[in-house]
Amino acid sequence: MKHLKLTLLALTIIFTSACKNDIKEEKKSNEKEEVSEVMFVVKPEGTSVKWTAYKTTEKKPVNGEFAILNFDAKKGATPQDALNNLEFSIPVNSLFTKDEVRDSKLKASFFGAMLNTELISGKIKVTDNKYVASITMNGATNDLPLDVSILEERRVKMNGVLNLKDWNALDALTSLNKVCFDLHKGPDGVSKTWENVAIEINTYLREK
């Protein structure tokens, strides 16, 4: 009888230990699955597009932004995957510089002098860790190389310098300079509106 009790006790210990090991293995397996399912998601409400244009021969900056950026939320296993092939559109009417008179001139005399003035559209492309924004504006499509910084794998900053002649927009620039002629004069009396525009895109990649 004593031998039988010892045998039952041993079997109970072995069975209990085996169950605990199974639970631990199942927990580890679930943890691995959870880690592998972490995704990076880019959303329009967490993304901004700012720009800096320049006037006068001293190249005085004029800052602005587009208040609306349209695209579908996109996810990927890495920040690059989430951003690659992200298609977007920007309503020109959402342009904002904190100066209503300036905004009106930009919309009417600059964008209004272009083809297809309603939207700027494009796609982010990532190849060999190099980023470009393929932008369609004024009926022309060109790639804008981007310098990209990713902080803590979440905050992303993309910078580029857009040359308006690559989008056949120098006539639109001339149109703008005419209505801003005196305002774009520097101390030397020369009125100038630069054809280079700095672009800054900021976004935050959320986890899913």
Protein backbone atom coordinates (compact mmCIF):
# COMPACT_ATOMS: atom_id res chain seq x y z
CA MET A 1 0.00 0.00 0.00
CA LYS A 2 2.80 2.38 0.90
CA HIS A 3 4.53 1.54 -2.37
CA LEU A 4 1.31 2.32 -4.27
CA LYS A 5 0.98 5.73 -2.58
CA LEU A 6 4.58 6.62 -3.45
CA THR A 7 3.98 5.60 -7.05
CA LEU A 8 0.83 7.75 -7.27
CA LEU A 9 2.68 10.70 -5.71
CA ALA A 10 5.50 10.38 -8.21
CA LEU A 11 3.05 10.24 -11.12
CA THR A 12 1.24 13.31 -9.79
CA ILE A 13 4.51 15.27 -9.57
CA ILE A 14 5.54 14.22 -13.08
CA PHE A 15 2.12 15.10 -14.53
CA THR A 16 2.00 18.47 -12.75
CA SER A 17 5.52 19.32 -13.92
CA ALA A 18 4.67 18.35 -17.49
CA CYS A 19 1.55 20.56 -17.42
CA LYS A 20 3.56 23.52 -16.12
CA ASN A 21 6.14 23.03 -18.87
CA ASP A 22 3.36 22.87 -21.46
CA ILE A 23 1.87 26.11 -20.11
CA LYS A 24 5.28 27.81 -20.19
CA GLU A 25 5.94 26.65 -23.74
CA GLU A 26 2.48 27.80 -24.82
CA LYS A 27 3.06 31.20 -23.17
CA LYS A 28 6.44 31.58 -24.91
CA SER A 29 4.85 30.62 -28.21
CA ASN A 30 2.10 33.20 -27.74
CA GLU A 31 4.68 35.88 -26.83
CA LYS A 32 6.62 35.12 -30.00
CA GLU A 33 3.43 35.41 -32.06
CA GLU A 34 2.59 38.75 -30.43
CA VAL A 35 6.09 40.10 -31.19
CA SER A 36 5.92 38.95 -34.81
CA GLU A 37 2.52 40.63 -35.25
CA VAL A 38 3.76 44.12 -34.29
CA MET A 39 3.12 46.38 -37.28
CA PHE A 40 4.01 49.98 -38.10
CA VAL A 41 1.03 52.06 -39.24
CA VAL A 42 1.14 55.47 -40.91
CA LYS A 43 -2.05 57.54 -40.78
CA PRO A 44 -2.97 60.91 -42.34
CA GLU A 45 -4.04 62.44 -39.03
CA GLY A 46 -0.50 61.93 -37.70
CA THR A 47 1.21 63.35 -40.80
CA SER A 48 2.01 66.94 -41.79
CA VAL A 49 3.44 68.58 -44.92
CA LYS A 50 5.26 71.89 -44.46
CA TRP A 51 7.08 73.97 -47.05
CA THR A 52 9.44 76.92 -47.19
CA ALA A 53 9.61 79.20 -50.22
CA TYR A 54 12.03 82.11 -50.62
CA LYS A 55 11.82 85.74 -51.72
CA THR A 56 14.26 88.67 -52.27
CA THR A 57 17.88 88.24 -53.33
CA GLU A 58 18.67 87.65 -49.66
CA LYS A 59 16.54 84.51 -49.87
CA LYS A 60 14.17 85.41 -47.09
CA PRO A 61 12.04 82.36 -46.09
CA VAL A 62 8.25 82.23 -46.37
CA ASN A 63 6.80 79.32 -44.43
CA GLY A 64 3.56 77.49 -45.04
CA GLU A 65 1.87 74.12 -44.94
CA PHE A 66 -0.95 72.08 -46.43
CA ALA A 67 -3.63 71.53 -43.83
CA ILE A 68 -5.05 68.43 -45.56
CA LEU A 69 -3.16 65.33 -46.67
CA ASN A 70 -5.24 62.46 -48.02
CA PHE A 71 -4.18 58.82 -48.02
CA ASP A 72 -5.38 55.49 -46.68
CA ALA A 73 -3.77 54.26 -43.45
CA LYS A 74 -0.97 51.88 -44.42
CA LYS A 75 0.90 49.30 -42.35
CA GLY A 76 4.08 47.26 -42.67
CA ALA A 77 6.43 45.04 -40.68
CA THR A 78 9.07 47.82 -40.75
CA PRO A 79 8.92 51.63 -41.08
CA GLN A 80 10.16 51.25 -44.66
CA ASP A 81 7.39 48.76 -45.47
CA ALA A 82 4.74 51.08 -44.02
CA LEU A 83 5.95 54.07 -46.07
CA ASN A 84 6.82 52.29 -49.32
CA ASN A 85 4.23 52.75 -52.09
CA LEU A 86 2.09 55.03 -49.94
CA GLU A 87 -0.07 57.04 -52.36
CA PHE A 88 -1.27 60.49 -51.32
CA SER A 89 -3.08 63.57 -52.59
CA ILE A 90 -3.00 67.16 -51.33
CA PRO A 91 -5.84 69.62 -52.01
CA VAL A 92 -4.19 72.86 -53.14
CA ASN A 93 -7.01 74.76 -51.45
CA SER A 94 -5.72 73.57 -48.05
CA LEU A 95 -2.61 75.77 -48.41
CA PHE A 96 -2.07 77.83 -45.25
CA THR A 97 0.54 80.49 -44.35
CA LYS A 98 -1.24 82.41 -41.55
CA ASP A 99 -1.70 85.30 -44.03
CA GLU A 100 -5.02 85.26 -45.89
CA VAL A 101 -3.86 87.76 -48.55
CA ARG A 102 -0.75 85.71 -49.29
CA ASP A 103 -2.78 82.48 -49.34
CA SER A 104 -5.16 83.99 -51.88
CA LYS A 105 -2.32 85.11 -54.16
CA LEU A 106 -0.62 81.73 -54.01
CA LYS A 107 -3.82 79.87 -54.84
CA ALA A 108 -4.90 82.23 -57.64
CA SER A 109 -1.66 83.42 -59.25
CA PHE A 110 0.67 80.47 -58.62
CA PHE A 111 -1.36 77.27 -58.52
CA GLY A 112 -4.09 78.93 -60.57
CA ALA A 113 -1.56 79.37 -63.41
CA MET A 114 -0.85 75.63 -63.51
CA LEU A 115 -2.57 72.67 -65.13
CA ASN A 116 -4.79 70.46 -62.96
CA THR A 117 -4.74 72.97 -60.13
CA GLU A 118 -7.04 71.13 -57.73
CA LEU A 119 -4.64 68.47 -56.37
CA ILE A 120 -1.00 67.63 -55.93
CA SER A 121 -0.63 63.86 -55.89
CA GLY A 122 2.18 61.38 -55.44
CA LYS A 123 3.66 58.22 -54.02
CA ILE A 124 6.45 57.51 -51.52
CA LYS A 125 8.91 54.95 -52.89
CA VAL A 126 11.66 53.17 -50.95
CA THR A 127 14.42 51.30 -52.79
CA ASP A 128 17.62 50.07 -51.10
CA ASN A 129 16.80 52.28 -48.12
CA LYS A 130 16.61 55.36 -50.38
CA TYR A 131 13.41 57.40 -50.33
CA VAL A 132 11.80 59.49 -53.07
CA ALA A 133 8.42 61.13 -53.43
CA SER A 134 7.11 60.73 -56.95
CA ILE A 135 5.07 63.93 -57.28
CA THR A 136 2.55 64.90 -59.94
CA MET A 137 1.95 68.65 -60.24
CA ASN A 138 1.14 70.93 -63.17
CA GLY A 139 0.64 67.91 -65.39
CA ALA A 140 4.22 66.68 -64.81
CA THR A 141 5.53 63.81 -62.68
CA ASN A 142 9.04 63.77 -61.21
CA ASP A 143 10.88 62.18 -58.30
CA LEU A 144 11.82 64.30 -55.31
CA PRO A 145 14.74 62.69 -53.37
CA LEU A 146 14.13 62.69 -49.62
CA ASP A 147 16.50 62.69 -46.66
CA VAL A 148 14.83 60.56 -44.01
CA SER A 149 15.35 60.41 -40.24
CA ILE A 150 13.60 57.76 -38.16
CA LEU A 151 13.74 58.37 -34.41
CA GLU A 152 13.01 55.47 -32.07
CA GLU A 153 11.49 53.63 -35.06
CA ARG A 154 8.38 55.77 -34.70
CA ARG A 155 8.90 59.45 -35.51
CA VAL A 156 9.78 60.00 -39.16
CA LYS A 157 11.05 63.23 -40.74
CA MET A 158 11.50 63.52 -44.52
CA ASN A 159 13.13 66.53 -46.16
CA GLY A 160 13.60 67.45 -49.81
CA VAL A 161 14.18 70.48 -52.03
CA LEU A 162 11.77 70.83 -54.93
CA ASN A 163 12.91 72.76 -58.01
CA LEU A 164 9.88 74.20 -59.77
CA LYS A 165 11.43 73.96 -63.23
CA ASP A 166 11.29 70.14 -62.93
CA TRP A 167 7.50 70.48 -62.87
CA ASN A 168 7.39 73.09 -65.68
CA ALA A 169 6.19 75.64 -63.12
CA LEU A 170 8.46 78.62 -63.87
CA ASP A 171 5.64 80.42 -65.69
CA ALA A 172 3.49 80.02 -62.59
CA LEU A 173 6.38 81.42 -60.55
CA THR A 174 6.58 84.44 -62.86
CA SER A 175 2.82 84.93 -62.47
CA LEU A 176 3.20 84.96 -58.69
CA ASN A 177 6.15 87.34 -58.78
CA LYS A 178 4.10 89.86 -60.78
CA VAL A 179 1.40 90.14 -58.12
CA CYS A 180 4.01 90.14 -55.32
CA PHE A 181 6.55 92.33 -57.13
CA ASP A 182 7.01 95.02 -54.49
CA LEU A 183 6.63 92.59 -51.59
CA HIS A 184 9.48 90.46 -52.97
CA LYS A 185 11.94 93.34 -53.16
CA GLY A 186 14.93 93.36 -50.83
CA PRO A 187 17.17 96.24 -49.72
CA ASP A 188 18.79 96.17 -53.18
CA GLY A 189 15.46 96.98 -54.83
CA VAL A 190 15.44 93.74 -56.83
CA SER A 191 12.24 91.67 -56.81
CA LYS A 192 12.93 87.95 -56.76
CA THR A 193 10.98 84.76 -56.10
CA TRP A 194 13.18 81.66 -55.88
CA GLU A 195 12.39 78.49 -57.81
CA ASN A 196 13.53 76.18 -55.00
CA VAL A 197 11.04 75.15 -52.32
CA ALA A 198 12.03 73.15 -49.24
CA ILE A 199 9.60 70.37 -48.28
CA GLU A 200 9.31 68.80 -44.82
CA ILE A 201 7.09 65.80 -44.09
CA ASN A 202 6.60 64.61 -40.53
CA THR A 203 4.73 61.54 -39.39
CA TYR A 204 4.41 59.18 -36.45
CA LEU A 205 4.25 55.44 -37.08
CA ARG A 206 1.80 53.84 -34.69
CA GLU A 207 1.90 50.24 -33.53
CA LYS A 208 -0.88 47.85 -34.46
